[in-house]
Amino acid sequence: MDEKGFLELWNTKRTQVISAQMGPTLMLIGVFVLAAFGKFETASDGAKYLTVGVAAATGVLAIISQYATIREAEALILDLKKLEKPSQLAQKISQSRGLLSLSGIAMVGIGIAIFALVVWAVLG
């Protein structure tokens, strides 16, 4: 694959990570709005557990998708490093493996923290 193909693939991976955040973000907005209006205080236990379960499933699936994309992007970085005369952009991207690893770690950590907050907001 040539440099242009690698850069297009890099942009595809970035877009996939961003897109995978949309579902959980919308779910969290819904939970936040309902919690802000106190709707979980009068909700049945079943509705509360369903909310927590759906939030967990949405978050876990998004994290898996994002983590897989990050792993693929790390492999792409290794391929970019092998190019003979890379552009400045390709060189800069090929130096971002540490940032990608940090993103993967942060994604898992933040996901766990947000899930704990969702449980707290829903179950009180």
PDB file of N, CA and C in Angstrom:
ATOM      1  N   MET A   1       0.849  -1.172   0.000  1.00  0.00           N
ATOM      2  CA  MET A   1       0.000   0.000   0.000  1.00  0.00           C
ATOM      3  C   MET A   1       0.893   1.234   0.000  1.00  0.00           C
ATOM      4  N   ASP A   2       0.471   2.261  -0.700  1.00  0.00           N
ATOM      5  CA  ASP A   2       1.247   3.488  -0.748  1.00  0.00           C
ATOM      6  C   ASP A   2       0.824   4.437   0.378  1.00  0.00           C
ATOM      7  N   GLU A   3       1.546   5.546   0.480  1.00  0.00           N
ATOM      8  CA  GLU A   3       1.295   6.495   1.569  1.00  0.00           C
ATOM      9  C   GLU A   3      -0.129   7.032   1.537  1.00  0.00           C
ATOM     10  N   LYS A   4      -0.616   7.362   0.360  1.00  0.00           N
ATOM     11  CA  LYS A   4      -1.981   7.905   0.253  1.00  0.00           C
ATOM     12  C   LYS A   4      -2.996   6.908   0.795  1.00  0.00           C
ATOM     13  N   GLY A   5      -2.822   5.641   0.477  1.00  0.00           N
ATOM     14  CA  GLY A   5      -3.724   4.608   0.982  1.00  0.00           C
ATOM     15  C   GLY A   5      -3.669   4.494   2.495  1.00  0.00           C
ATOM     16  N   PHE A   6      -2.458   4.581   3.052  1.00  0.00           N
ATOM     17  CA  PHE A   6      -2.303   4.525   4.508  1.00  0.00           C
ATOM     18  C   PHE A   6      -2.978   5.720   5.179  1.00  0.00           C
ATOM     19  N   LEU A   7      -2.806   6.905   4.594  1.00  0.00           N
ATOM     20  CA  LEU A   7      -3.417   8.105   5.186  1.00  0.00           C
ATOM     21  C   LEU A   7      -4.943   8.055   5.105  1.00  0.00           C
ATOM     22  N   GLU A   8      -5.469   7.529   4.009  1.00  0.00           N
ATOM     23  CA  GLU A   8      -6.918   7.372   3.901  1.00  0.00           C
ATOM     24  C   GLU A   8      -7.428   6.381   4.945  1.00  0.00           C
ATOM     25  N   LEU A   9      -6.684   5.301   5.133  1.00  0.00           N
ATOM     26  CA  LEU A   9      -7.053   4.309   6.143  1.00  0.00           C
ATOM     27  C   LEU A   9      -6.980   4.908   7.542  1.00  0.00           C
ATOM     28  N   TRP A  10      -5.964   5.734   7.788  1.00  0.00           N
ATOM     29  CA  TRP A  10      -5.828   6.415   9.087  1.00  0.00           C
ATOM     30  C   TRP A  10      -7.062   7.280   9.362  1.00  0.00           C
ATOM     31  N   ASN A  11      -7.481   8.044   8.366  1.00  0.00           N
ATOM     32  CA  ASN A  11      -8.659   8.901   8.529  1.00  0.00           C
ATOM     33  C   ASN A  11      -9.927   8.068   8.740  1.00  0.00           C
ATOM     34  N   THR A  12     -10.007   6.921   8.085  1.00  0.00           N
ATOM     35  CA  THR A  12     -11.137   6.022   8.287  1.00  0.00           C
ATOM     36  C   THR A  12     -11.175   5.528   9.727  1.00  0.00           C
ATOM     37  N   LYS A  13     -10.023   5.166  10.262  1.00  0.00           N
ATOM     38  CA  LYS A  13      -9.952   4.684  11.648  1.00  0.00           C
ATOM     39  C   LYS A  13     -10.356   5.794  12.625  1.00  0.00           C
ATOM     40  N   ARG A  14      -9.903   6.995  12.383  1.00  0.00           N
ATOM     41  CA  ARG A  14     -10.279   8.125  13.258  1.00  0.00           C
ATOM     42  C   ARG A  14     -11.786   8.347  13.221  1.00  0.00           C
ATOM     43  N   THR A  15     -12.362   8.270  12.034  1.00  0.00           N
ATOM     44  CA  THR A  15     -13.801   8.449  11.884  1.00  0.00           C
ATOM     45  C   THR A  15     -14.566   7.340  12.602  1.00  0.00           C
ATOM     46  N   GLN A  16     -14.050   6.116  12.552  1.00  0.00           N
ATOM     47  CA  GLN A  16     -14.712   5.001  13.229  1.00  0.00           C
ATOM     48  C   GLN A  16     -14.732   5.206  14.743  1.00  0.00           C
ATOM     49  N   VAL A  17     -13.645   5.702  15.303  1.00  0.00           N
ATOM     50  CA  VAL A  17     -13.602   5.946  16.749  1.00  0.00           C
ATOM     51  C   VAL A  17     -14.626   7.016  17.119  1.00  0.00           C
ATOM     52  N   ILE A  18     -14.679   8.078  16.335  1.00  0.00           N
ATOM     53  CA  ILE A  18     -15.630   9.153  16.613  1.00  0.00           C
ATOM     54  C   ILE A  18     -17.065   8.662  16.462  1.00  0.00           C
ATOM     55  N   SER A  19     -17.340   7.926  15.408  1.00  0.00           N
ATOM     56  CA  SER A  19     -18.694   7.419  15.174  1.00  0.00           C
ATOM     57  C   SER A  19     -19.147   6.469  16.271  1.00  0.00           C
ATOM     58  N   ALA A  20     -18.225   5.668  16.786  1.00  0.00           N
ATOM     59  CA  ALA A  20     -18.577   4.712  17.845  1.00  0.00           C
ATOM     60  C   ALA A  20     -18.975   5.415  19.138  1.00  0.00           C
ATOM     61  N   GLN A  21     -18.660   6.683  19.266  1.00  0.00           N
ATOM     62  CA  GLN A  21     -19.007   7.437  20.475  1.00  0.00           C
ATOM     63  C   GLN A  21     -20.419   8.022  20.415  1.00  0.00           C
ATOM     64  N   MET A  22     -21.023   8.026  19.254  1.00  0.00           N
ATOM     65  CA  MET A  22     -22.323   8.693  19.101  1.00  0.00           C
ATOM     66  C   MET A  22     -23.443   7.990  19.870  1.00  0.00           C
ATOM     67  N   GLY A  23     -23.559   6.681  19.742  1.00  0.00           N
ATOM     68  CA  GLY A  23     -24.616   5.945  20.432  1.00  0.00           C
ATOM     69  C   GLY A  23     -24.554   6.112  21.946  1.00  0.00           C
ATOM     70  N   PRO A  24     -23.385   5.847  22.547  1.00  0.00           N
ATOM     71  CA  PRO A  24     -23.292   6.026  23.993  1.00  0.00           C
ATOM     72  C   PRO A  24     -23.529   7.473  24.437  1.00  0.00           C
ATOM     73  N   THR A  25     -23.106   8.414  23.627  1.00  0.00           N
ATOM     74  CA  THR A  25     -23.321   9.821  23.977  1.00  0.00           C
ATOM     75  C   THR A  25     -24.803  10.139  24.025  1.00  0.00           C
ATOM     76  N   LEU A  26     -25.536   9.684  23.035  1.00  0.00           N
ATOM     77  CA  LEU A  26     -26.989   9.915  23.021  1.00  0.00           C
ATOM     78  C   LEU A  26     -27.661   9.210  24.195  1.00  0.00           C
ATOM     79  N   MET A  27     -27.198   8.000  24.511  1.00  0.00           N
ATOM     80  CA  MET A  27     -27.742   7.264  25.652  1.00  0.00           C
ATOM     81  C   MET A  27     -27.478   8.032  26.948  1.00  0.00           C
ATOM     82  N   LEU A  28     -26.268   8.532  27.103  1.00  0.00           N
ATOM     83  CA  LEU A  28     -25.929   9.277  28.321  1.00  0.00           C
ATOM     84  C   LEU A  28     -26.716  10.577  28.431  1.00  0.00           C
ATOM     85  N   ILE A  29     -26.959  11.225  27.314  1.00  0.00           N
ATOM     86  CA  ILE A  29     -27.777  12.439  27.332  1.00  0.00           C
ATOM     87  C   ILE A  29     -29.176  12.104  27.844  1.00  0.00           C
ATOM     88  N   GLY A  30     -29.742  11.010  27.342  1.00  0.00           N
ATOM     89  CA  GLY A  30     -31.068  10.600  27.801  1.00  0.00           C
ATOM     90  C   GLY A  30     -31.089  10.289  29.286  1.00  0.00           C
ATOM     91  N   VAL A  31     -30.102   9.549  29.762  1.00  0.00           N
ATOM     92  CA  VAL A  31     -30.033   9.218  31.192  1.00  0.00           C
ATOM     93  C   VAL A  31     -29.851  10.488  32.013  1.00  0.00           C
ATOM     94  N   PHE A  32     -29.002  11.377  31.543  1.00  0.00           N
ATOM     95  CA  PHE A  32     -28.757  12.631  32.256  1.00  0.00           C
ATOM     96  C   PHE A  32     -30.032  13.459  32.382  1.00  0.00           C
ATOM     97  N   VAL A  33     -30.752  13.597  31.284  1.00  0.00           N
ATOM     98  CA  VAL A  33     -31.980  14.402  31.301  1.00  0.00           C
ATOM     99  C   VAL A  33     -33.002  13.781  32.246  1.00  0.00           C
ATOM    100  N   LEU A  34     -33.197  12.469  32.156  1.00  0.00           N
ATOM    101  CA  LEU A  34     -34.154  11.809  33.043  1.00  0.00           C
ATOM    102  C   LEU A  34     -33.742  11.936  34.507  1.00  0.00           C
ATOM    103  N   ALA A  35     -32.449  11.786  34.778  1.00  0.00           N
ATOM    104  CA  ALA A  35     -31.965  11.916  36.158  1.00  0.00           C
ATOM    105  C   ALA A  35     -32.115  13.348  36.650  1.00  0.00           C
ATOM    106  N   ALA A  36     -31.842  14.320  35.787  1.00  0.00           N
ATOM    107  CA  ALA A  36     -31.946  15.731  36.183  1.00  0.00           C
ATOM    108  C   ALA A  36     -33.379  16.112  36.552  1.00  0.00           C
ATOM    109  N   PHE A  37     -34.333  15.481  35.900  1.00  0.00           N
ATOM    110  CA  PHE A  37     -35.737  15.753  36.208  1.00  0.00           C
ATOM    111  C   PHE A  37     -36.296  14.816  37.283  1.00  0.00           C
ATOM    112  N   GLY A  38     -35.444  13.985  37.867  1.00  0.00           N
ATOM    113  CA  GLY A  38     -35.863  13.109  38.959  1.00  0.00           C
ATOM    114  C   GLY A  38     -36.762  11.959  38.543  1.00  0.00           C
ATOM    115  N   LYS A  39     -36.734  11.590  37.291  1.00  0.00           N
ATOM    116  CA  LYS A  39     -37.629  10.541  36.791  1.00  0.00           C
ATOM    117  C   LYS A  39     -37.295   9.157  37.336  1.00  0.00           C
ATOM    118  N   PHE A  40     -36.049   8.938  37.736  1.00  0.00           N
ATOM    119  CA  PHE A  40     -35.686   7.616  38.245  1.00  0.00           C
ATOM    120  C   PHE A  40     -36.160   7.413  39.689  1.00  0.00           C
ATOM    121  N   GLU A  41     -36.460   8.499  40.391  1.00  0.00           N
ATOM    122  CA  GLU A  41     -36.931   8.383  41.771  1.00  0.00           C
ATOM    123  C   GLU A  41     -38.270   7.662  41.843  1.00  0.00           C
ATOM    124  N   THR A  42     -39.107   7.860  40.850  1.00  0.00           N
ATOM    125  CA  THR A  42     -40.431   7.232  40.843  1.00  0.00           C
ATOM    126  C   THR A  42     -40.528   6.050  39.887  1.00  0.00           C
ATOM    127  N   ALA A  43     -39.452   5.751  39.186  1.00  0.00           N
ATOM    128  CA  ALA A  43     -39.465   4.648  38.221  1.00  0.00           C
ATOM    129  C   ALA A  43     -39.458   3.311  38.948  1.00  0.00           C
ATOM    130  N   SER A  44     -40.004   2.302  38.297  1.00  0.00           N
ATOM    131  CA  SER A  44     -39.991   0.958  38.873  1.00  0.00           C
ATOM    132  C   SER A  44     -38.567   0.413  38.868  1.00  0.00           C
ATOM    133  N   ASP A  45     -38.337  -0.593  39.701  1.00  0.00           N
ATOM    134  CA  ASP A  45     -37.005  -1.216  39.728  1.00  0.00           C
ATOM    135  C   ASP A  45     -36.653  -1.801  38.370  1.00  0.00           C
ATOM    136  N   GLY A  46     -37.652  -2.389  37.701  1.00  0.00           N
ATOM    137  CA  GLY A  46     -37.413  -2.959  36.378  1.00  0.00           C
ATOM    138  C   GLY A  46     -36.933  -1.918  35.381  1.00  0.00           C
ATOM    139  N   ALA A  47     -37.551  -0.747  35.401  1.00  0.00           N
ATOM    140  CA  ALA A  47     -37.141   0.330  34.487  1.00  0.00           C
ATOM    141  C   ALA A  47     -35.732   0.812  34.809  1.00  0.00           C
ATOM    142  N   LYS A  48     -35.413   0.877  36.089  1.00  0.00           N
ATOM    143  CA  LYS A  48     -34.068   1.302  36.493  1.00  0.00           C
ATOM    144  C   LYS A  48     -33.022   0.287  36.029  1.00  0.00           C
ATOM    145  N   TYR A  49     -33.295  -0.997  36.262  1.00  0.00           N
ATOM    146  CA  TYR A  49     -32.325  -2.034  35.865  1.00  0.00           C
ATOM    147  C   TYR A  49     -32.190  -2.113  34.352  1.00  0.00           C
ATOM    148  N   LEU A  50     -33.304  -1.920  33.646  1.00  0.00           N
ATOM    149  CA  LEU A  50     -33.245  -1.903  32.188  1.00  0.00           C
ATOM    150  C   LEU A  50     -32.374  -0.744  31.709  1.00  0.00           C
ATOM    151  N   THR A  51     -32.533   0.412  32.305  1.00  0.00           N
ATOM    152  CA  THR A  51     -31.721   1.574  31.936  1.00  0.00           C
ATOM    153  C   THR A  51     -30.243   1.306  32.161  1.00  0.00           C
ATOM    154  N   VAL A  52     -29.905   0.750  33.320  1.00  0.00           N
ATOM    155  CA  VAL A  52     -28.507   0.436  33.619  1.00  0.00           C
ATOM    156  C   VAL A  52     -27.983  -0.621  32.642  1.00  0.00           C
ATOM    157  N   GLY A  53     -28.791  -1.630  32.360  1.00  0.00           N
ATOM    158  CA  GLY A  53     -28.369  -2.685  31.444  1.00  0.00           C
ATOM    159  C   GLY A  53     -28.136  -2.191  30.032  1.00  0.00           C
ATOM    160  N   VAL A  54     -29.053  -1.374  29.539  1.00  0.00           N
ATOM    161  CA  VAL A  54     -28.898  -0.830  28.182  1.00  0.00           C
ATOM    162  C   VAL A  54     -27.699   0.110  28.119  1.00  0.00           C
ATOM    163  N   ALA A  55     -27.514   0.914  29.158  1.00  0.00           N
ATOM    164  CA  ALA A  55     -26.344   1.799  29.193  1.00  0.00           C
ATOM    165  C   ALA A  55     -25.054   0.980  29.207  1.00  0.00           C
ATOM    166  N   ALA A  56     -25.046  -0.104  29.979  1.00  0.00           N
ATOM    167  CA  ALA A  56     -23.854  -0.959  30.040  1.00  0.00           C
ATOM    168  C   ALA A  56     -23.580  -1.606  28.690  1.00  0.00           C
ATOM    169  N   ALA A  57     -24.611  -2.159  28.065  1.00  0.00           N
ATOM    170  CA  ALA A  57     -24.431  -2.817  26.772  1.00  0.00           C
ATOM    171  C   ALA A  57     -23.957  -1.833  25.712  1.00  0.00           C
ATOM    172  N   THR A  58     -24.568  -0.669  25.685  1.00  0.00           N
ATOM    173  CA  THR A  58     -24.179   0.360  24.712  1.00  0.00           C
ATOM    174  C   THR A  58     -22.722   0.769  24.917  1.00  0.00           C
ATOM    175  N   GLY A  59     -22.346   0.986  26.174  1.00  0.00           N
ATOM    176  CA  GLY A  59     -20.976   1.398  26.475  1.00  0.00           C
ATOM    177  C   GLY A  59     -19.958   0.324  26.171  1.00  0.00           C
ATOM    178  N   VAL A  60     -20.249  -0.912  26.556  1.00  0.00           N
ATOM    179  CA  VAL A  60     -19.306  -2.012  26.320  1.00  0.00           C
ATOM    180  C   VAL A  60     -19.094  -2.234  24.828  1.00  0.00           C
ATOM    181  N   LEU A  61     -20.180  -2.243  24.060  1.00  0.00           N
ATOM    182  CA  LEU A  61     -20.037  -2.438  22.615  1.00  0.00           C
ATOM    183  C   LEU A  61     -19.248  -1.300  21.968  1.00  0.00           C
ATOM    184  N   ALA A  62     -19.468  -0.081  22.418  1.00  0.00           N
ATOM    185  CA  ALA A  62     -18.721   1.055  21.874  1.00  0.00           C
ATOM    186  C   ALA A  62     -17.245   0.955  22.231  1.00  0.00           C
ATOM    187  N   ILE A  63     -16.950   0.574  23.470  1.00  0.00           N
ATOM    188  CA  ILE A  63     -15.550   0.450  23.883  1.00  0.00           C
ATOM    189  C   ILE A  63     -14.853  -0.645  23.094  1.00  0.00           C
ATOM    190  N   ILE A  64     -15.523  -1.763  22.882  1.00  0.00           N
ATOM    191  CA  ILE A  64     -14.931  -2.845  22.090  1.00  0.00           C
ATOM    192  C   ILE A  64     -14.630  -2.358  20.677  1.00  0.00           C
ATOM    193  N   SER A  65     -15.579  -1.671  20.079  1.00  0.00           N
ATOM    194  CA  SER A  65     -15.397  -1.151  18.723  1.00  0.00           C
ATOM    195  C   SER A  65     -14.246  -0.152  18.666  1.00  0.00           C
ATOM    196  N   GLN A  66     -14.203   0.763  19.617  1.00  0.00           N
ATOM    197  CA  GLN A  66     -13.147   1.768  19.640  1.00  0.00           C
ATOM    198  C   GLN A  66     -11.789   1.133  19.905  1.00  0.00           C
ATOM    199  N   TYR A  67     -11.746   0.184  20.811  1.00  0.00           N
ATOM    200  CA  TYR A  67     -10.477  -0.456  21.145  1.00  0.00           C
ATOM    201  C   TYR A  67      -9.936  -1.240  19.947  1.00  0.00           C
ATOM    202  N   ALA A  68     -10.821  -1.938  19.244  1.00  0.00           N
ATOM    203  CA  ALA A  68     -10.392  -2.668  18.050  1.00  0.00           C
ATOM    204  C   ALA A  68      -9.851  -1.708  16.992  1.00  0.00           C
ATOM    205  N   THR A  69     -10.514  -0.587  16.830  1.00  0.00           N
ATOM    206  CA  THR A  69     -10.061   0.409  15.858  1.00  0.00           C
ATOM    207  C   THR A  69      -8.693   0.963  16.249  1.00  0.00           C
ATOM    208  N   ILE A  70      -8.490   1.203  17.544  1.00  0.00           N
ATOM    209  CA  ILE A  70      -7.200   1.704  18.006  1.00  0.00           C
ATOM    210  C   ILE A  70      -6.104   0.673  17.753  1.00  0.00           C
ATOM    211  N   ARG A  71      -6.387  -0.586  18.004  1.00  0.00           N
ATOM    212  CA  ARG A  71      -5.386  -1.637  17.744  1.00  0.00           C
ATOM    213  C   ARG A  71      -5.023  -1.682  16.259  1.00  0.00           C
ATOM    214  N   GLU A  72      -6.023  -1.567  15.403  1.00  0.00           N
ATOM    215  CA  GLU A  72      -5.760  -1.563  13.963  1.00  0.00           C
ATOM    216  C   GLU A  72      -4.960  -0.332  13.568  1.00  0.00           C
ATOM    217  N   ALA A  73      -5.260   0.798  14.181  1.00  0.00           N
ATOM    218  CA  ALA A  73      -4.514   2.027  13.887  1.00  0.00           C
ATOM    219  C   ALA A  73      -3.063   1.900  14.352  1.00  0.00           C
ATOM    220  N   GLU A  74      -2.814   1.188  15.448  1.00  0.00           N
ATOM    221  CA  GLU A  74      -1.441   0.964  15.901  1.00  0.00           C
ATOM    222  C   GLU A  74      -0.667   0.144  14.867  1.00  0.00           C
ATOM    223  N   ALA A  75      -1.321  -0.857  14.268  1.00  0.00           N
ATOM    224  CA  ALA A  75      -0.679  -1.637  13.200  1.00  0.00           C
ATOM    225  C   ALA A  75      -0.418  -0.755  11.984  1.00  0.00           C
ATOM    226  N   LEU A  76      -1.341   0.129  11.681  1.00  0.00           N
ATOM    227  CA  LEU A  76      -1.177   1.063  10.569  1.00  0.00           C
ATOM    228  C   LEU A  76       0.037   1.964  10.792  1.00  0.00           C
ATOM    229  N   ILE A  77       0.239   2.387  12.028  1.00  0.00           N
ATOM    230  CA  ILE A  77       1.393   3.227  12.359  1.00  0.00           C
ATOM    231  C   ILE A  77       2.698   2.485  12.057  1.00  0.00           C
ATOM    232  N   LEU A  78       2.738   1.212  12.398  1.00  0.00           N
ATOM    233  CA  LEU A  78       3.940   0.423  12.109  1.00  0.00           C
ATOM    234  C   LEU A  78       4.195   0.355  10.608  1.00  0.00           C
ATOM    235  N   ASP A  79       3.128   0.221   9.824  1.00  0.00           N
ATOM    236  CA  ASP A  79       3.281   0.201   8.366  1.00  0.00           C
ATOM    237  C   ASP A  79       3.727   1.561   7.840  1.00  0.00           C
ATOM    238  N   LEU A  80       3.216   2.639   8.421  1.00  0.00           N
ATOM    239  CA  LEU A  80       3.633   3.983   7.996  1.00  0.00           C
ATOM    240  C   LEU A  80       5.126   4.201   8.247  1.00  0.00           C
ATOM    241  N   LYS A  81       5.633   3.647   9.326  1.00  0.00           N
ATOM    242  CA  LYS A  81       7.058   3.809   9.655  1.00  0.00           C
ATOM    243  C   LYS A  81       7.957   3.137   8.617  1.00  0.00           C
ATOM    244  N   LYS A  82       7.422   2.189   7.870  1.00  0.00           N
ATOM    245  CA  LYS A  82       8.213   1.446   6.887  1.00  0.00           C
ATOM    246  C   LYS A  82       8.285   2.133   5.526  1.00  0.00           C
ATOM    247  N   LEU A  83       7.548   3.214   5.351  1.00  0.00           N
ATOM    248  CA  LEU A  83       7.579   3.922   4.071  1.00  0.00           C
ATOM    249  C   LEU A  83       8.962   4.507   3.828  1.00  0.00           C
ATOM    250  N   GLU A  84       9.385   4.524   2.550  1.00  0.00           N
ATOM    251  CA  GLU A  84      10.727   5.010   2.232  1.00  0.00           C
ATOM    252  C   GLU A  84      10.867   6.518   2.359  1.00  0.00           C
ATOM    253  N   LYS A  85      10.023   7.279   1.757  1.00  0.00           N
ATOM    254  CA  LYS A  85      10.110   8.741   1.830  1.00  0.00           C
ATOM    255  C   LYS A  85       8.758   9.285   2.281  1.00  0.00           C
ATOM    256  N   PRO A  86       8.457   9.158   3.571  1.00  0.00           N
ATOM    257  CA  PRO A  86       7.152   9.609   4.044  1.00  0.00           C
ATOM    258  C   PRO A  86       7.054  11.128   4.079  1.00  0.00           C
ATOM    259  N   SER A  87       5.854  11.617   3.885  1.00  0.00           N
ATOM    260  CA  SER A  87       5.607  13.053   4.009  1.00  0.00           C
ATOM    261  C   SER A  87       5.685  13.438   5.483  1.00  0.00           C
ATOM    262  N   GLN A  88       5.661  14.732   5.742  1.00  0.00           N
ATOM    263  CA  GLN A  88       5.671  15.207   7.127  1.00  0.00           C
ATOM    264  C   GLN A  88       4.446  14.686   7.886  1.00  0.00           C
ATOM    265  N   LEU A  89       3.312  14.649   7.205  1.00  0.00           N
ATOM    266  CA  LEU A  89       2.092  14.146   7.840  1.00  0.00           C
ATOM    267  C   LEU A  89       2.248  12.674   8.216  1.00  0.00           C
ATOM    268  N   ALA A  90       2.745  11.882   7.303  1.00  0.00           N
ATOM    269  CA  ALA A  90       2.933  10.458   7.587  1.00  0.00           C
ATOM    270  C   ALA A  90       3.928  10.263   8.726  1.00  0.00           C
ATOM    271  N   GLN A  91       4.972  11.077   8.755  1.00  0.00           N
ATOM    272  CA  GLN A  91       5.946  10.981   9.850  1.00  0.00           C
ATOM    273  C   GLN A  91       5.294  11.324  11.185  1.00  0.00           C
ATOM    274  N   LYS A  92       4.495  12.382  11.198  1.00  0.00           N
ATOM    275  CA  LYS A  92       3.839  12.812  12.438  1.00  0.00           C
ATOM    276  C   LYS A  92       2.864  11.736  12.929  1.00  0.00           C
ATOM    277  N   ILE A  93       2.087  11.189  12.021  1.00  0.00           N
ATOM    278  CA  ILE A  93       1.143  10.135  12.407  1.00  0.00           C
ATOM    279  C   ILE A  93       1.894   8.914  12.931  1.00  0.00           C
ATOM    280  N   SER A  94       3.003   8.567  12.291  1.00  0.00           N
ATOM    281  CA  SER A  94       3.745   7.376  12.710  1.00  0.00           C
ATOM    282  C   SER A  94       4.389   7.540  14.086  1.00  0.00           C
ATOM    283  N   GLN A  95       4.428   8.760  14.595  1.00  0.00           N
ATOM    284  CA  GLN A  95       4.977   9.011  15.928  1.00  0.00           C
ATOM    285  C   GLN A  95       3.899   9.033  17.013  1.00  0.00           C
ATOM    286  N   SER A  96       2.665   8.717  16.655  1.00  0.00           N
ATOM    287  CA  SER A  96       1.572   8.878  17.613  1.00  0.00           C
ATOM    288  C   SER A  96       1.123   7.580  18.277  1.00  0.00           C
ATOM    289  N   ARG A  97       1.971   6.571  18.277  1.00  0.00           N
ATOM    290  CA  ARG A  97       1.572   5.301  18.888  1.00  0.00           C
ATOM    291  C   ARG A  97       1.315   5.445  20.395  1.00  0.00           C
ATOM    292  N   GLY A  98       2.144   6.219  21.073  1.00  0.00           N
ATOM    293  CA  GLY A  98       1.942   6.430  22.508  1.00  0.00           C
ATOM    294  C   GLY A  98       0.606   7.094  22.790  1.00  0.00           C
ATOM    295  N   LEU A  99       0.242   8.053  21.956  1.00  0.00           N
ATOM    296  CA  LEU A  99      -1.039   8.734  22.117  1.00  0.00           C
ATOM    297  C   LEU A  99      -2.203   7.774  21.889  1.00  0.00           C
ATOM    298  N   LEU A 100      -2.057   6.888  20.917  1.00  0.00           N
ATOM    299  CA  LEU A 100      -3.095   5.897  20.676  1.00  0.00           C
ATOM    300  C   LEU A 100      -3.246   4.955  21.866  1.00  0.00           C
ATOM    301  N   SER A 101      -2.123   4.509  22.412  1.00  0.00           N
ATOM    302  CA  SER A 101      -2.173   3.626  23.576  1.00  0.00           C
ATOM    303  C   SER A 101      -2.826   4.331  24.756  1.00  0.00           C
ATOM    304  N   LEU A 102      -2.465   5.583  24.958  1.00  0.00           N
ATOM    305  CA  LEU A 102      -3.067   6.369  26.030  1.00  0.00           C
ATOM    306  C   LEU A 102      -4.567   6.520  25.808  1.00  0.00           C
ATOM    307  N   SER A 103      -4.968   6.705  24.569  1.00  0.00           N
ATOM    308  CA  SER A 103      -6.393   6.827  24.248  1.00  0.00           C
ATOM    309  C   SER A 103      -7.141   5.549  24.608  1.00  0.00           C
ATOM    310  N   GLY A 104      -6.550   4.402  24.312  1.00  0.00           N
ATOM    311  CA  GLY A 104      -7.184   3.128  24.652  1.00  0.00           C
ATOM    312  C   GLY A 104      -7.348   2.958  26.146  1.00  0.00           C
ATOM    313  N   ILE A 105      -6.329   3.305  26.894  1.00  0.00           N
ATOM    314  CA  ILE A 105      -6.391   3.208  28.357  1.00  0.00           C
ATOM    315  C   ILE A 105      -7.424   4.181  28.911  1.00  0.00           C
ATOM    316  N   ALA A 106      -7.400   5.404  28.420  1.00  0.00           N
ATOM    317  CA  ALA A 106      -8.348   6.425  28.889  1.00  0.00           C
ATOM    318  C   ALA A 106      -9.783   6.022  28.569  1.00  0.00           C
ATOM    319  N   MET A 107      -9.990   5.451  27.404  1.00  0.00           N
ATOM    320  CA  MET A 107     -11.322   5.044  26.996  1.00  0.00           C
ATOM    321  C   MET A 107     -11.911   4.021  27.976  1.00  0.00           C
ATOM    322  N   VAL A 108     -11.120   3.049  28.354  1.00  0.00           N
ATOM    323  CA  VAL A 108     -11.595   2.034  29.297  1.00  0.00           C
ATOM    324  C   VAL A 108     -11.827   2.656  30.673  1.00  0.00           C
ATOM    325  N   GLY A 109     -10.873   3.446  31.154  1.00  0.00           N
ATOM    326  CA  GLY A 109     -11.006   4.064  32.466  1.00  0.00           C
ATOM    327  C   GLY A 109     -12.190   5.008  32.561  1.00  0.00           C
ATOM    328  N   ILE A 110     -12.337   5.856  31.565  1.00  0.00           N
ATOM    329  CA  ILE A 110     -13.450   6.800  31.556  1.00  0.00           C
ATOM    330  C   ILE A 110     -14.777   6.054  31.409  1.00  0.00           C
ATOM    331  N   GLY A 111     -14.781   5.000  30.609  1.00  0.00           N
ATOM    332  CA  GLY A 111     -15.997   4.208  30.446  1.00  0.00           C
ATOM    333  C   GLY A 111     -16.466   3.605  31.761  1.00  0.00           C
ATOM    334  N   ILE A 112     -15.543   3.071  32.536  1.00  0.00           N
ATOM    335  CA  ILE A 112     -15.885   2.495  33.842  1.00  0.00           C
ATOM    336  C   ILE A 112     -16.408   3.581  34.781  1.00  0.00           C
ATOM    337  N   ALA A 113     -15.730   4.731  34.790  1.00  0.00           N
ATOM    338  CA  ALA A 113     -16.160   5.828  35.658  1.00  0.00           C
ATOM    339  C   ALA A 113     -17.555   6.327  35.277  1.00  0.00           C
ATOM    340  N   ILE A 114     -17.807   6.478  34.006  1.00  0.00           N
ATOM    341  CA  ILE A 114     -19.123   6.952  33.564  1.00  0.00           C
ATOM    342  C   ILE A 114     -20.204   5.929  33.892  1.00  0.00           C
ATOM    343  N   PHE A 115     -19.882   4.649  33.732  1.00  0.00           N
ATOM    344  CA  PHE A 115     -20.878   3.630  34.079  1.00  0.00           C
ATOM    345  C   PHE A 115     -21.212   3.681  35.571  1.00  0.00           C
ATOM    346  N   ALA A 116     -20.205   3.890  36.402  1.00  0.00           N
ATOM    347  CA  ALA A 116     -20.453   4.019  37.842  1.00  0.00           C
ATOM    348  C   ALA A 116     -21.367   5.211  38.120  1.00  0.00           C
ATOM    349  N   LEU A 117     -21.155   6.308  37.415  1.00  0.00           N
ATOM    350  CA  LEU A 117     -22.016   7.483  37.586  1.00  0.00           C
ATOM    351  C   LEU A 117     -23.446   7.218  37.102  1.00  0.00           C
ATOM    352  N   VAL A 118     -23.572   6.449  36.023  1.00  0.00           N
ATOM    353  CA  VAL A 118     -24.914   6.096  35.523  1.00  0.00           C
ATOM    354  C   VAL A 118     -25.644   5.256  36.565  1.00  0.00           C
ATOM    355  N   VAL A 119     -24.947   4.274  37.133  1.00  0.00           N
ATOM    356  CA  VAL A 119     -25.560   3.430  38.165  1.00  0.00           C
ATOM    357  C   VAL A 119     -26.001   4.296  39.343  1.00  0.00           C
ATOM    358  N   TRP A 120     -25.160   5.198  39.752  1.00  0.00           N
ATOM    359  CA  TRP A 120     -25.474   6.094  40.869  1.00  0.00           C
ATOM    360  C   TRP A 120     -26.689   6.973  40.546  1.00  0.00           C
ATOM    361  N   ALA A 121     -26.709   7.541  39.328  1.00  0.00           N
ATOM    362  CA  ALA A 121     -27.802   8.430  38.935  1.00  0.00           C
ATOM    363  C   ALA A 121     -29.136   7.677  38.812  1.00  0.00           C
ATOM    364  N   VAL A 122     -29.070   6.438  38.340  1.00  0.00           N
ATOM    365  CA  VAL A 122     -30.302   5.691  38.112  1.00  0.00           C
ATOM    366  C   VAL A 122     -30.799   5.008  39.382  1.00  0.00           C
ATOM    367  N   LEU A 123     -29.876   4.336  40.090  1.00  0.00           N
ATOM    368  CA  LEU A 123     -30.291   3.563  41.257  1.00  0.00           C
ATOM    369  C   LEU A 123     -30.259   4.370  42.548  1.00  0.00           C
ATOM    370  N   GLY A 124     -29.547   5.479  42.503  1.00  0.00           N
ATOM    371  CA  GLY A 124     -29.497   6.387  43.643  1.00  0.00           C
ATOM    372  C   GLY A 124     -28.698   5.836  44.739  1.00  0.00           C
TER     373      GLY A 124
END
